[in-house]
């Protein structure tokens, strides 16, 4: 039997944010066994904790959708780091560094607990790069069951940093709430773009955005909080002139339409128009723990 815990991530209260399953002692598990367990939990992501390759690091981890393994994801990184930090130090205030070996690379996470508040912030392991697929406003609008003038004012983009996403800016909160994947337009958009994950966002104030993320091809009809997409959003915002040089802090809300509100802090370091570092921060709340059989 394997020990597991579940957390709600990017939330400071239970039954909000993005649920995560953390499976510990996973050294002996093969890929197919991990995939089977991820399907059993049927959450957007499950993270498996193993002994690190380098003893100077905290843990080696592998992350799975219900349908496939992914090299990096934000909410598993945040939730796992908070779990490992608080397990090691169950009481008192602290600031500690958790270093996770992920398929995308080494991910340092700073975890801070002050009283009842706990926050983790990771540095993204890769810088975003633009992908060559097509992301035309008319095609995106049709795929989301929206009129074409609901897409904007930013130009859509396709970006990758480990995971990859189509970035679809929408005009307002009404368009964001009405959006939904519809066929056959969704499949046509996916074929043109070369990927299935769509991150929608709209401005809601100074340096603040509200977002949604659809990824039905990965078994995720909608995700309440997407840390990796939030990190890559930095490149989309910079490309559209919404970020300038210096340390730029952006506040993101997600999961509102699902009844699972999530709060994410994005910090982007920019020098001479180029991103030099991306950090994503949020909280997490423990929900359950137990043991699960090995498949």
Protein backbone atom coordinates (compact mmCIF):
# COMPACT_ATOMS: atom_id res chain seq x y z
CA UNK A 1 0.00 0.00 0.00
CA UNK A 2 1.22 3.48 -0.91
CA UNK A 3 0.67 6.58 1.22
CA UNK A 4 -1.19 9.43 -0.48
CA UNK A 5 -2.48 12.89 0.36
CA UNK A 6 -4.73 15.29 -1.49
CA UNK A 7 -4.45 19.06 -1.44
CA UNK A 8 -6.42 21.93 -2.90
CA UNK A 9 -3.81 24.11 -4.58
CA UNK A 10 -3.79 27.83 -5.40
CA UNK A 11 -6.33 28.36 -2.61
CA UNK A 12 -6.15 29.35 1.04
CA UNK A 13 -9.28 27.40 1.99
CA UNK A 14 -10.50 23.88 1.35
CA UNK A 15 -12.76 22.88 -1.53
CA UNK A 16 -11.46 25.65 -3.75
CA UNK A 17 -8.49 25.81 -6.10
CA UNK A 18 -7.21 22.78 -8.01
CA UNK A 19 -7.28 19.33 -6.36
CA UNK A 20 -4.02 17.38 -6.40
CA UNK A 21 -3.11 13.84 -5.41
CA UNK A 22 0.39 13.25 -3.99
CA UNK A 23 1.63 9.65 -3.89
CA UNK A 24 4.72 9.01 -1.78
CA UNK A 25 7.25 6.18 -1.79
CA UNK A 26 6.83 5.69 -5.54
CA UNK A 27 10.37 4.44 -6.32
CA UNK A 28 9.21 0.93 -7.28
CA UNK A 29 6.35 2.06 -9.50
CA UNK A 30 6.60 1.78 -13.27
CA UNK A 31 5.10 4.23 -15.73
CA UNK A 32 2.02 2.11 -16.43
CA UNK A 33 1.34 1.72 -12.70
CA UNK A 34 1.59 5.49 -12.17
CA UNK A 35 -0.77 6.09 -15.08
CA UNK A 36 -3.27 3.61 -13.64
CA UNK A 37 -3.19 5.35 -10.26
CA UNK A 38 -3.61 8.76 -11.91
CA UNK A 39 -6.68 7.44 -13.73
CA UNK A 40 -8.01 6.12 -10.41
CA UNK A 41 -7.75 9.52 -8.75
CA UNK A 42 -9.07 11.11 -11.98
CA UNK A 43 -7.87 14.57 -10.97
CA UNK A 44 -6.29 16.96 -13.44
CA UNK A 45 -2.87 15.90 -12.12
CA UNK A 46 -1.30 13.36 -9.76
CA UNK A 47 2.32 13.68 -8.62
CA UNK A 48 4.52 10.75 -7.57
CA UNK A 49 7.36 11.32 -5.10
CA UNK A 50 10.58 9.34 -5.47
CA UNK A 51 14.11 9.38 -4.05
CA UNK A 52 16.12 12.14 -5.78
CA UNK A 53 18.95 11.24 -8.15
CA UNK A 54 21.05 13.87 -6.37
CA UNK A 55 20.89 13.57 -2.56
CA UNK A 56 21.31 17.35 -2.33
CA UNK A 57 17.80 17.71 -3.76
CA UNK A 58 14.53 17.13 -1.90
CA UNK A 59 12.78 14.67 -4.22
CA UNK A 60 12.41 13.36 -7.74
CA UNK A 61 8.84 13.62 -9.00
CA UNK A 62 6.76 12.48 -11.94
CA UNK A 63 3.48 14.14 -12.91
CA UNK A 64 0.52 12.57 -14.73
CA UNK A 65 -2.72 13.68 -16.30
CA UNK A 66 -5.42 10.97 -16.25
CA UNK A 67 -4.29 10.18 -19.80
CA UNK A 68 -0.54 10.84 -20.02
CA UNK A 69 2.67 11.92 -18.27
CA UNK A 70 3.76 15.56 -18.49
CA UNK A 71 7.25 17.01 -17.89
CA UNK A 72 6.20 19.88 -15.63
CA UNK A 73 3.09 21.39 -14.07
CA UNK A 74 2.53 24.25 -11.68
CA UNK A 75 -0.11 23.13 -9.23
CA UNK A 76 1.57 19.74 -8.54
CA UNK A 77 4.86 21.58 -7.95
CA UNK A 78 3.28 24.03 -5.49
CA UNK A 79 1.20 21.42 -3.68
CA UNK A 80 3.97 18.84 -3.42
CA UNK A 81 6.50 21.39 -2.15
CA UNK A 82 4.11 22.58 0.57
CA UNK A 83 3.35 18.98 1.55
CA UNK A 84 7.03 18.03 1.81
CA UNK A 85 7.92 21.21 3.70
CA UNK A 86 5.11 20.94 6.24
CA UNK A 87 5.65 17.21 6.74
CA UNK A 88 9.28 17.93 7.62
CA UNK A 89 8.30 20.90 9.84
CA UNK A 90 4.74 20.41 11.09
CA UNK A 91 4.85 23.34 13.52
CA UNK A 92 6.13 26.91 13.64
CA UNK A 93 7.05 29.56 11.11
CA UNK A 94 9.75 28.83 8.56
CA UNK A 95 11.23 29.61 5.17
CA UNK A 96 12.76 26.67 3.34
CA UNK A 97 13.91 25.64 -0.13
CA UNK A 98 12.40 22.51 -1.69
CA UNK A 99 14.23 21.32 -4.81
CA UNK A 100 12.28 19.00 -7.12
CA UNK A 101 13.78 16.97 -9.96
CA UNK A 102 11.11 17.10 -12.67
CA UNK A 103 11.23 15.75 -16.21
CA UNK A 104 11.47 19.34 -17.52
CA UNK A 105 14.43 20.11 -15.26
CA UNK A 106 15.32 21.14 -11.74
CA UNK A 107 12.61 23.23 -10.05
CA UNK A 108 13.50 25.23 -6.90
CA UNK A 109 10.51 26.10 -4.70
CA UNK A 110 10.63 28.51 -1.76
CA UNK A 111 8.05 27.66 0.91
CA UNK A 112 7.19 30.20 3.62
CA UNK A 113 4.88 29.67 6.58
CA UNK A 114 3.96 32.64 8.79
CA UNK A 115 1.23 31.88 11.29
CA UNK A 116 -1.67 30.25 9.44
CA UNK A 117 -0.53 31.50 6.03
CA UNK A 118 1.66 29.33 3.80
CA UNK A 119 2.95 30.19 0.33
CA UNK A 120 5.15 28.40 -2.16
CA UNK A 121 6.87 30.04 -5.12
CA UNK A 122 8.70 28.16 -7.88
CA UNK A 123 11.02 29.35 -10.60
CA UNK A 124 9.96 27.98 -13.98
CA UNK A 125 12.50 25.46 -15.33
CA UNK A 126 12.27 26.66 -18.95
CA UNK A 127 11.76 29.94 -20.80
CA UNK A 128 8.74 30.09 -23.14
CA UNK A 129 9.23 29.83 -26.89
CA UNK A 130 6.71 30.55 -29.64
CA UNK A 131 5.42 27.58 -31.63
CA UNK A 132 4.68 27.69 -35.36
CA UNK A 133 1.05 26.49 -35.38
CA UNK A 134 -1.81 28.73 -36.47
CA UNK A 135 -3.95 30.57 -33.91
CA UNK A 136 -6.38 32.66 -35.96
CA UNK A 137 -8.97 34.73 -34.07
CA UNK A 138 -11.87 33.56 -36.26
CA UNK A 139 -11.01 29.89 -35.78
CA UNK A 140 -10.49 30.28 -32.02
CA UNK A 141 -13.80 32.14 -31.70
CA UNK A 142 -15.69 29.41 -33.55
CA UNK A 143 -14.03 26.70 -31.43
CA UNK A 144 -15.16 28.52 -28.26
CA UNK A 145 -18.68 29.29 -29.54
CA UNK A 146 -17.98 33.03 -29.46
CA UNK A 147 -18.29 35.81 -32.05
CA UNK A 148 -15.00 36.79 -33.65
CA UNK A 149 -15.06 40.25 -32.06
CA UNK A 150 -14.94 38.56 -28.62
CA UNK A 151 -11.29 37.63 -29.28
CA UNK A 152 -8.84 40.38 -28.32
CA UNK A 153 -7.55 42.98 -27.76
CA UNK A 154 -4.29 40.99 -27.56
CA UNK A 155 -3.24 38.83 -30.49
CA UNK A 156 -3.62 35.07 -29.83
CA UNK A 157 -0.41 33.09 -29.51
CA UNK A 158 0.98 29.59 -29.09
CA UNK A 159 3.74 29.19 -26.50
CA UNK A 160 5.66 26.29 -24.98
CA UNK A 161 7.90 25.83 -21.93
CA UNK A 162 7.56 22.11 -21.30
CA UNK A 163 3.74 22.11 -21.69
CA UNK A 164 2.28 24.16 -24.53
CA UNK A 165 -0.88 26.24 -24.76
CA UNK A 166 -2.92 28.26 -27.22
CA UNK A 167 -3.42 31.68 -25.61
CA UNK A 168 -6.82 33.15 -26.41
CA UNK A 169 -7.43 36.69 -25.12
CA UNK A 170 -11.13 37.49 -24.80
CA UNK A 171 -12.75 40.90 -24.64
CA UNK A 172 -14.47 40.77 -21.24
CA UNK A 173 -15.77 38.63 -18.38
CA UNK A 174 -19.03 37.93 -20.22
CA UNK A 175 -17.16 36.37 -23.15
CA UNK A 176 -14.97 34.43 -20.74
CA UNK A 177 -18.02 33.00 -18.96
CA UNK A 178 -19.81 32.08 -22.22
CA UNK A 179 -16.84 30.29 -23.82
CA UNK A 180 -17.13 26.52 -24.34
CA UNK A 181 -15.47 24.04 -26.70
CA UNK A 182 -17.75 23.10 -29.59
CA UNK A 183 -17.29 20.64 -32.45
CA UNK A 184 -16.35 20.40 -35.24
CA UNK A 185 -14.68 23.80 -34.82
CA UNK A 186 -12.65 22.66 -31.79
CA UNK A 187 -11.01 19.82 -33.71
CA UNK A 188 -10.32 22.12 -36.65
CA UNK A 189 -8.60 24.64 -34.35
CA UNK A 190 -6.57 21.86 -32.68
CA UNK A 191 -5.41 20.57 -36.06
CA UNK A 192 -4.32 24.04 -37.18
CA UNK A 193 -2.53 24.85 -33.91
CA UNK A 194 -0.99 21.43 -33.37
CA UNK A 195 -2.12 21.15 -29.74
CA UNK A 196 -5.25 20.79 -27.62
CA UNK A 197 -4.81 23.07 -24.57
CA UNK A 198 -6.44 26.51 -24.68
CA UNK A 199 -5.87 29.19 -22.03
CA UNK A 200 -8.39 32.05 -22.14
CA UNK A 201 -7.80 35.31 -20.28
CA UNK A 202 -9.23 38.79 -19.91
CA UNK A 203 -8.13 41.86 -18.00
CA UNK A 204 -9.99 42.63 -14.76
CA UNK A 205 -7.93 45.53 -13.42
CA UNK A 206 -4.40 46.86 -13.11
CA UNK A 207 -1.99 43.95 -13.64
CA UNK A 208 -4.82 41.46 -13.01
CA UNK A 209 -6.46 38.87 -15.26
CA UNK A 210 -9.15 36.21 -14.98
CA UNK A 211 -8.61 32.98 -16.88
CA UNK A 212 -10.00 29.60 -17.88
CA UNK A 213 -8.23 26.57 -19.37
CA UNK A 214 -9.75 23.80 -21.51
CA UNK A 215 -7.88 20.59 -22.37
CA UNK A 216 -10.46 17.90 -23.22
CA UNK A 217 -7.93 15.82 -25.15
CA UNK A 218 -6.02 15.20 -21.91
CA UNK A 219 -9.16 14.26 -20.00
CA UNK A 220 -9.48 17.75 -18.47
CA UNK A 221 -12.71 19.41 -19.68
CA UNK A 222 -11.74 22.47 -17.63
CA UNK A 223 -8.91 23.12 -15.17
CA UNK A 224 -9.56 25.29 -12.09
CA UNK A 225 -5.92 26.47 -11.84
CA UNK A 226 -3.06 25.96 -14.29
CA UNK A 227 0.32 26.99 -12.89
CA UNK A 228 2.35 26.05 -15.96
CA UNK A 229 0.06 28.05 -18.26
CA UNK A 230 0.25 30.96 -15.82
CA UNK A 231 4.04 30.89 -16.06
CA UNK A 232 4.03 30.79 -19.86
CA UNK A 233 1.45 33.60 -19.93
CA UNK A 234 4.38 35.91 -19.16
CA UNK A 235 5.60 35.50 -22.74
CA UNK A 236 2.13 36.11 -24.17
CA UNK A 237 1.73 39.30 -22.12
CA UNK A 238 5.20 40.54 -23.05
CA UNK A 239 4.59 39.88 -26.75
CA UNK A 240 1.44 42.01 -26.55
CA UNK A 241 3.07 44.94 -24.75
CA UNK A 242 1.42 44.29 -21.39
CA UNK A 243 4.73 43.88 -19.51
CA UNK A 244 7.77 46.16 -19.39
CA UNK A 245 11.33 45.95 -18.11
CA UNK A 246 11.91 45.25 -14.45
CA UNK A 247 10.10 43.04 -11.95
CA UNK A 248 6.49 42.75 -13.06
CA UNK A 249 3.88 41.21 -10.72
CA UNK A 250 0.63 39.94 -12.24
CA UNK A 251 -2.35 38.58 -10.29
CA UNK A 252 -4.37 35.78 -11.89
CA UNK A 253 -7.77 34.36 -10.97
CA UNK A 254 -9.01 31.06 -12.40
CA UNK A 255 -11.72 28.49 -11.67
CA UNK A 256 -14.35 31.14 -10.90
CA UNK A 257 -16.86 29.74 -13.40
CA UNK A 258 -16.36 26.24 -11.95
CA UNK A 259 -17.05 27.30 -8.37
CA UNK A 260 -13.42 26.57 -7.42
CA UNK A 261 -11.80 30.01 -7.18
CA UNK A 262 -8.01 30.01 -7.49
CA UNK A 263 -5.46 32.76 -6.94
CA UNK A 264 -2.03 32.74 -8.61
CA UNK A 265 0.77 35.30 -8.41
CA UNK A 266 2.99 35.59 -11.48
CA UNK A 267 6.30 37.45 -11.21
CA UNK A 268 8.27 38.11 -14.38
CA UNK A 269 11.82 39.47 -14.50
CA UNK A 270 12.45 41.32 -17.76
CA UNK A 271 15.64 42.96 -18.98
CA UNK A 272 15.90 44.84 -22.28
CA UNK A 273 12.65 43.34 -23.49
CA UNK A 274 13.61 39.75 -22.72
CA UNK A 275 12.37 37.46 -19.94
CA UNK A 276 15.15 36.42 -17.58
CA UNK A 277 13.08 34.58 -14.95
CA UNK A 278 9.48 33.56 -14.27
CA UNK A 279 8.13 32.73 -10.82
CA UNK A 280 4.69 31.44 -9.84
CA UNK A 281 3.34 31.52 -6.28
CA UNK A 282 0.29 30.24 -4.44
CA UNK A 283 -0.97 28.42 -1.39
CA UNK A 284 -2.35 24.93 -0.75
CA UNK A 285 -4.64 23.30 1.81
CA UNK A 286 -4.53 19.61 2.88
CA UNK A 287 -7.84 17.80 2.32
CA UNK A 288 -7.39 14.05 2.77
CA UNK A 289 -4.83 11.30 3.33
CA UNK A 290 -4.80 7.54 3.17
CA UNK A 291 -3.33 4.53 1.41
CA UNK A 292 -3.85 3.18 -2.09
CA UNK A 293 -3.07 -0.26 -3.48
CA UNK A 294 -0.35 -0.78 -6.07
CA UNK A 295 -1.88 -1.75 -9.41
